[in-house]
Amino acid sequence: MFPRMIRETAIQPPTWAVGQQVRLDDGHDWTIQAATTNFHALTRPVTQADRDADREQAQELADEYGVHPSEFEQIDDDAEVFYTVVDWRNGVRGPCDLSGGGWGDGTYSEDECAAMLAAFEAGTVEVSHRNRVPMRMVDGAVR
């Protein structure tokens, strides 16, 4: 199986402010936690619907492969937020490329997200190539 290829195209960053909520193409409302010249860090709460969907998908895979569903669950029981980093230079978003895909203590506070984006600007981390998705813009507004 070949890796999916994402065409990376720079996008002019919108004038988002920390604390502002935006709706992305996934249909969820995200809160801007930090911003730099080239990146924005966004968070949204983990909902019961997210947990139910994760467990359902894990059960389907477990049934297919004959293992316990916990082998495929992606949302930790104690997780309270999802995060994504928008890389405007490449027109993509996703988690950082560190092992495990997380940053810091997992709270994704404004301070923690600002520190994370400093690492992005320094080039020591980037948006995961495996888990990135294209950022979709419509009429200058993110959908």
C-alpha atoms as a PDB file:
ATOM      1  CA  MET A   1       0.000   0.000   0.000  1.00  0.00           C
ATOM      2  CA  PHE A   2       1.317   3.423  -0.921  1.00  0.00           C
ATOM      3  CA  PRO A   3       1.168   6.369   1.504  1.00  0.00           C
ATOM      4  CA  ARG A   4      -1.459   8.942   0.674  1.00  0.00           C
ATOM      5  CA  MET A   5       0.027  11.985  -0.960  1.00  0.00           C
ATOM      6  CA  ILE A   6      -1.154  15.406   0.071  1.00  0.00           C
ATOM      7  CA  ARG A   7      -0.518  18.314  -2.208  1.00  0.00           C
ATOM      8  CA  GLU A   8       0.931  21.030  -0.013  1.00  0.00           C
ATOM      9  CA  THR A   9       0.124  24.594  -0.975  1.00  0.00           C
ATOM     10  CA  ALA A  10       0.764  27.683   1.109  1.00  0.00           C
ATOM     11  CA  ILE A  11      -2.312  29.516   2.353  1.00  0.00           C
ATOM     12  CA  GLN A  12      -2.450  33.114   3.510  1.00  0.00           C
ATOM     13  CA  PRO A  13      -3.166  32.917   7.263  1.00  0.00           C
ATOM     14  CA  PRO A  14      -6.412  34.515   8.403  1.00  0.00           C
ATOM     15  CA  THR A  15      -6.387  37.069  11.208  1.00  0.00           C
ATOM     16  CA  TRP A  16      -7.362  34.685  13.974  1.00  0.00           C
ATOM     17  CA  ALA A  17      -6.929  35.794  17.575  1.00  0.00           C
ATOM     18  CA  VAL A  18      -6.144  33.672  20.619  1.00  0.00           C
ATOM     19  CA  GLY A  19      -9.420  32.685  22.287  1.00  0.00           C
ATOM     20  CA  GLN A  20     -11.421  32.951  19.065  1.00  0.00           C
ATOM     21  CA  GLN A  21     -13.485  29.963  17.938  1.00  0.00           C
ATOM     22  CA  VAL A  22     -13.437  28.779  14.347  1.00  0.00           C
ATOM     23  CA  ARG A  23     -15.200  25.954  12.533  1.00  0.00           C
ATOM     24  CA  LEU A  24     -12.979  23.721  10.449  1.00  0.00           C
ATOM     25  CA  ASP A  25     -13.839  21.424   7.566  1.00  0.00           C
ATOM     26  CA  ASP A  26     -14.361  18.556  10.024  1.00  0.00           C
ATOM     27  CA  GLY A  27     -17.511  20.336  11.262  1.00  0.00           C
ATOM     28  CA  HIS A  28     -16.158  20.969  14.780  1.00  0.00           C
ATOM     29  CA  ASP A  29     -15.638  24.276  16.540  1.00  0.00           C
ATOM     30  CA  TRP A  30     -12.002  24.777  17.576  1.00  0.00           C
ATOM     31  CA  THR A  31     -10.511  27.389  19.924  1.00  0.00           C
ATOM     32  CA  ILE A  32      -7.337  29.237  18.944  1.00  0.00           C
ATOM     33  CA  GLN A  33      -4.843  28.587  21.758  1.00  0.00           C
ATOM     34  CA  ALA A  34      -1.690  30.141  20.247  1.00  0.00           C
ATOM     35  CA  ALA A  35      -0.540  31.838  17.064  1.00  0.00           C
ATOM     36  CA  THR A  36       2.751  32.634  15.346  1.00  0.00           C
ATOM     37  CA  THR A  37       3.617  33.915  11.900  1.00  0.00           C
ATOM     38  CA  ASN A  38       3.295  30.511  10.258  1.00  0.00           C
ATOM     39  CA  PHE A  39       1.268  28.381  12.665  1.00  0.00           C
ATOM     40  CA  HIS A  40      -1.889  28.285  14.782  1.00  0.00           C
ATOM     41  CA  ALA A  41      -2.578  25.784  17.584  1.00  0.00           C
ATOM     42  CA  LEU A  42      -6.246  24.884  18.024  1.00  0.00           C
ATOM     43  CA  THR A  43      -8.089  22.733  20.554  1.00  0.00           C
ATOM     44  CA  ARG A  44     -11.555  21.306  21.018  1.00  0.00           C
ATOM     45  CA  PRO A  45     -13.082  19.203  23.793  1.00  0.00           C
ATOM     46  CA  VAL A  46     -13.236  15.426  23.486  1.00  0.00           C
ATOM     47  CA  THR A  47     -16.942  14.573  23.476  1.00  0.00           C
ATOM     48  CA  GLN A  48     -18.794  11.387  24.371  1.00  0.00           C
ATOM     49  CA  ALA A  49     -19.632  11.047  20.670  1.00  0.00           C
ATOM     50  CA  ASP A  50     -15.874  11.061  19.920  1.00  0.00           C
ATOM     51  CA  ARG A  51     -15.300   8.332  22.521  1.00  0.00           C
ATOM     52  CA  ASP A  52     -18.217   6.251  21.225  1.00  0.00           C
ATOM     53  CA  ALA A  53     -17.003   6.496  17.620  1.00  0.00           C
ATOM     54  CA  ASP A  54     -13.460   5.570  18.685  1.00  0.00           C
ATOM     55  CA  ARG A  55     -14.684   2.515  20.603  1.00  0.00           C
ATOM     56  CA  GLU A  56     -16.930   1.437  17.717  1.00  0.00           C
ATOM     57  CA  GLN A  57     -14.086   1.667  15.225  1.00  0.00           C
ATOM     58  CA  ALA A  58     -11.728  -0.144  17.620  1.00  0.00           C
ATOM     59  CA  GLN A  59     -14.261  -2.956  18.072  1.00  0.00           C
ATOM     60  CA  GLU A  60     -14.660  -3.364  14.298  1.00  0.00           C
ATOM     61  CA  LEU A  61     -10.889  -3.629  13.851  1.00  0.00           C
ATOM     62  CA  ALA A  62     -10.551  -5.961  16.838  1.00  0.00           C
ATOM     63  CA  ASP A  63     -13.191  -8.265  15.379  1.00  0.00           C
ATOM     64  CA  GLU A  64     -11.415  -8.236  12.022  1.00  0.00           C
ATOM     65  CA  TYR A  65      -7.969  -8.986  13.465  1.00  0.00           C
ATOM     66  CA  GLY A  66      -8.979 -11.141  16.438  1.00  0.00           C
ATOM     67  CA  VAL A  67      -7.440  -8.973  19.162  1.00  0.00           C
ATOM     68  CA  HIS A  68      -8.720  -6.890  22.078  1.00  0.00           C
ATOM     69  CA  PRO A  69     -10.309  -3.518  21.105  1.00  0.00           C
ATOM     70  CA  SER A  70      -7.841  -1.643  23.321  1.00  0.00           C
ATOM     71  CA  GLU A  71      -5.201  -2.406  20.671  1.00  0.00           C
ATOM     72  CA  PHE A  72      -6.968   0.061  18.363  1.00  0.00           C
ATOM     73  CA  GLU A  73      -8.450   2.681  20.695  1.00  0.00           C
ATOM     74  CA  GLN A  74      -6.958   6.078  19.918  1.00  0.00           C
ATOM     75  CA  ILE A  75      -8.515   8.278  22.603  1.00  0.00           C
ATOM     76  CA  ASP A  76      -7.021   7.905  26.083  1.00  0.00           C
ATOM     77  CA  ASP A  77      -9.581   7.546  28.880  1.00  0.00           C
ATOM     78  CA  ASP A  78      -8.238  10.680  30.587  1.00  0.00           C
ATOM     79  CA  ALA A  79      -8.011  12.808  27.417  1.00  0.00           C
ATOM     80  CA  GLU A  80     -10.021  16.017  27.667  1.00  0.00           C
ATOM     81  CA  VAL A  81      -9.016  17.846  24.476  1.00  0.00           C
ATOM     82  CA  PHE A  82      -7.974  17.231  20.894  1.00  0.00           C
ATOM     83  CA  TYR A  83      -5.445  19.560  19.326  1.00  0.00           C
ATOM     84  CA  THR A  84      -4.338  20.370  15.817  1.00  0.00           C
ATOM     85  CA  VAL A  85      -1.613  22.630  14.462  1.00  0.00           C
ATOM     86  CA  VAL A  86      -2.240  24.555  11.263  1.00  0.00           C
ATOM     87  CA  ASP A  87       0.865  25.003   9.107  1.00  0.00           C
ATOM     88  CA  TRP A  88      -0.038  27.852   6.773  1.00  0.00           C
ATOM     89  CA  ARG A  89       3.229  27.548   4.812  1.00  0.00           C
ATOM     90  CA  ASN A  90       2.201  24.088   3.625  1.00  0.00           C
ATOM     91  CA  GLY A  91      -1.587  24.381   3.826  1.00  0.00           C
ATOM     92  CA  VAL A  92      -1.975  21.406   6.179  1.00  0.00           C
ATOM     93  CA  ARG A  93      -2.997  20.668   9.747  1.00  0.00           C
ATOM     94  CA  GLY A  94      -2.517  17.839  12.198  1.00  0.00           C
ATOM     95  CA  PRO A  95      -0.597  16.758  15.294  1.00  0.00           C
ATOM     96  CA  CYS A  96       3.122  17.281  15.782  1.00  0.00           C
ATOM     97  CA  ASP A  97       5.524  14.634  14.521  1.00  0.00           C
ATOM     98  CA  LEU A  98       6.800  13.571  17.945  1.00  0.00           C
ATOM     99  CA  SER A  99       6.403   9.933  18.915  1.00  0.00           C
ATOM    100  CA  GLY A 100       2.842   9.498  20.152  1.00  0.00           C
ATOM    101  CA  GLY A 101       1.695  12.706  18.465  1.00  0.00           C
ATOM    102  CA  GLY A 102       1.227  14.653  21.694  1.00  0.00           C
ATOM    103  CA  TRP A 103       2.928  17.639  23.251  1.00  0.00           C
ATOM    104  CA  GLY A 104       3.666  18.462  26.876  1.00  0.00           C
ATOM    105  CA  ASP A 105       1.272  17.340  29.572  1.00  0.00           C
ATOM    106  CA  GLY A 106      -1.697  17.106  27.214  1.00  0.00           C
ATOM    107  CA  THR A 107      -3.648  20.064  28.586  1.00  0.00           C
ATOM    108  CA  TYR A 108      -2.865  22.223  25.542  1.00  0.00           C
ATOM    109  CA  SER A 109      -3.184  25.426  27.545  1.00  0.00           C
ATOM    110  CA  GLU A 110      -2.353  28.742  25.882  1.00  0.00           C
ATOM    111  CA  ASP A 111       1.149  28.672  27.420  1.00  0.00           C
ATOM    112  CA  GLU A 112       1.778  25.065  26.433  1.00  0.00           C
ATOM    113  CA  CYS A 113       0.572  25.720  22.880  1.00  0.00           C
ATOM    114  CA  ALA A 114       2.754  28.841  22.623  1.00  0.00           C
ATOM    115  CA  ALA A 115       5.796  26.754  23.613  1.00  0.00           C
ATOM    116  CA  MET A 116       4.820  24.113  21.072  1.00  0.00           C
ATOM    117  CA  LEU A 117       4.522  26.681  18.286  1.00  0.00           C
ATOM    118  CA  ALA A 118       7.934  28.104  19.203  1.00  0.00           C
ATOM    119  CA  ALA A 119       9.328  24.635  18.458  1.00  0.00           C
ATOM    120  CA  PHE A 120       7.439  24.597  15.157  1.00  0.00           C
ATOM    121  CA  GLU A 121       8.876  28.010  14.208  1.00  0.00           C
ATOM    122  CA  ALA A 122      12.382  26.817  15.193  1.00  0.00           C
ATOM    123  CA  GLY A 123      11.956  23.804  12.913  1.00  0.00           C
ATOM    124  CA  THR A 124      12.511  21.204  15.622  1.00  0.00           C
ATOM    125  CA  VAL A 125       9.038  19.712  15.072  1.00  0.00           C
ATOM    126  CA  GLU A 126       6.561  19.777  12.217  1.00  0.00           C
ATOM    127  CA  VAL A 127       3.057  18.618  11.426  1.00  0.00           C
ATOM    128  CA  SER A 128       3.051  14.820  11.231  1.00  0.00           C
ATOM    129  CA  HIS A 129       3.379  13.613   7.656  1.00  0.00           C
ATOM    130  CA  ARG A 130       1.439  10.473   8.525  1.00  0.00           C
ATOM    131  CA  ASN A 131      -1.536  12.235  10.118  1.00  0.00           C
ATOM    132  CA  ARG A 132      -1.732  15.558   8.282  1.00  0.00           C
ATOM    133  CA  VAL A 133      -4.794  16.625   6.349  1.00  0.00           C
ATOM    134  CA  PRO A 134      -5.130  19.501   3.896  1.00  0.00           C
ATOM    135  CA  MET A 135      -6.466  22.768   5.278  1.00  0.00           C
ATOM    136  CA  ARG A 136      -9.565  23.735   3.336  1.00  0.00           C
ATOM    137  CA  MET A 137     -10.319  27.385   2.682  1.00  0.00           C
ATOM    138  CA  VAL A 138     -13.494  28.761   1.095  1.00  0.00           C
ATOM    139  CA  ASP A 139     -13.812  32.463   0.270  1.00  0.00           C
ATOM    140  CA  GLY A 140     -10.964  33.247   2.659  1.00  0.00           C
ATOM    141  CA  ALA A 141     -12.729  31.546   5.590  1.00  0.00           C
ATOM    142  CA  VAL A 142     -12.013  28.133   6.972  1.00  0.00           C
ATOM    143  CA  ARG A 143     -14.868  25.653   6.711  1.00  0.00           C
END
